[in-house]
C-alpha cells in the first residue's frame, strides 16, 4: 500500500507496480486469482483479514491501487465503516473510474489515496476523512506515489529522485522496474523502496501489472517466501 509507480511506454502500453508495506503480524495475503465483480473479471491478491486488496486489475484494463493516507499522516480512529481494501473493489462496480470517484460514499472510511489507471484516464482520489479530492494525471507521463502515512517529505523526494534515475535507463522493461522496486535506495532499511522497520513493518510483496495490445497480466512476488505468480487476464 505504500509505493506505486506508473510507466507508460506508448499509447497502448504501460506497467503499474506496487510495493505492499505492512505489519509482520498481518495475515499472509492470498496470491492473485480471478473474481467476478459486476460481470467483469477482476484479478487481485486478497487480504484474508478483510477480504479486500491493495491492487486489482480487470479484463477491461482498469487498474486500481491503494496507498495509506492522503496529504499527511493521520492517527487511526477505528472502528471504520468499511476497509479501504473493500472500497477499492467498488471501482469495478461503476461504469467508469470517474463516475466512481464522483459518486462513491467515503463517510466513515480511513484516509487513503487511490490511483486508478484506465485506457482513457489516470485518476488520483484522496480522502482526508472529511473531504474528497480528485486529480487527473497525464497518461503519457510516468509517475511515482508514496504513502504520506509512512514517509516524510524528504523521503518521498528521495524516492522521486531514484525514480527519475530509473527513467533514464535504456530499454526499460518490467524486469528492470521490478528490480527497482526491490532494490532501489541507499542501504537504509527504514526508508529504501523495500523496507524493514525493526521487524515490525516490512515490504511484504511486489505486484506489477503489464498492459499492452498483446498482453494484460499481473505479476506477484511474495518477498518472504520468494514465490512468484503470473496471472494472465484474458
Foldseek 3Di string as FASTA:
>chain_A
DFKWKWAADDLFWIKIKDWDKFFPPFPDWAAWDWDADLNWTKIATARPVARFHQWIATLQGKIKGKAAAFQAADDDDDDFPGEVRVVRVCCVVDPHNVVCLVDPDCARYHWIWMWMDGSVWTWIWTDHNPDIDIDTDDNNDMDMDGHNNQDPPVLVVVVVVLVVVLVVDPPDDPVSVVCQQVDDDDPAQSRRSFHQDPNTMTRQKMKMFITGPVWTWIWIAGPVVRDIDIGTHD
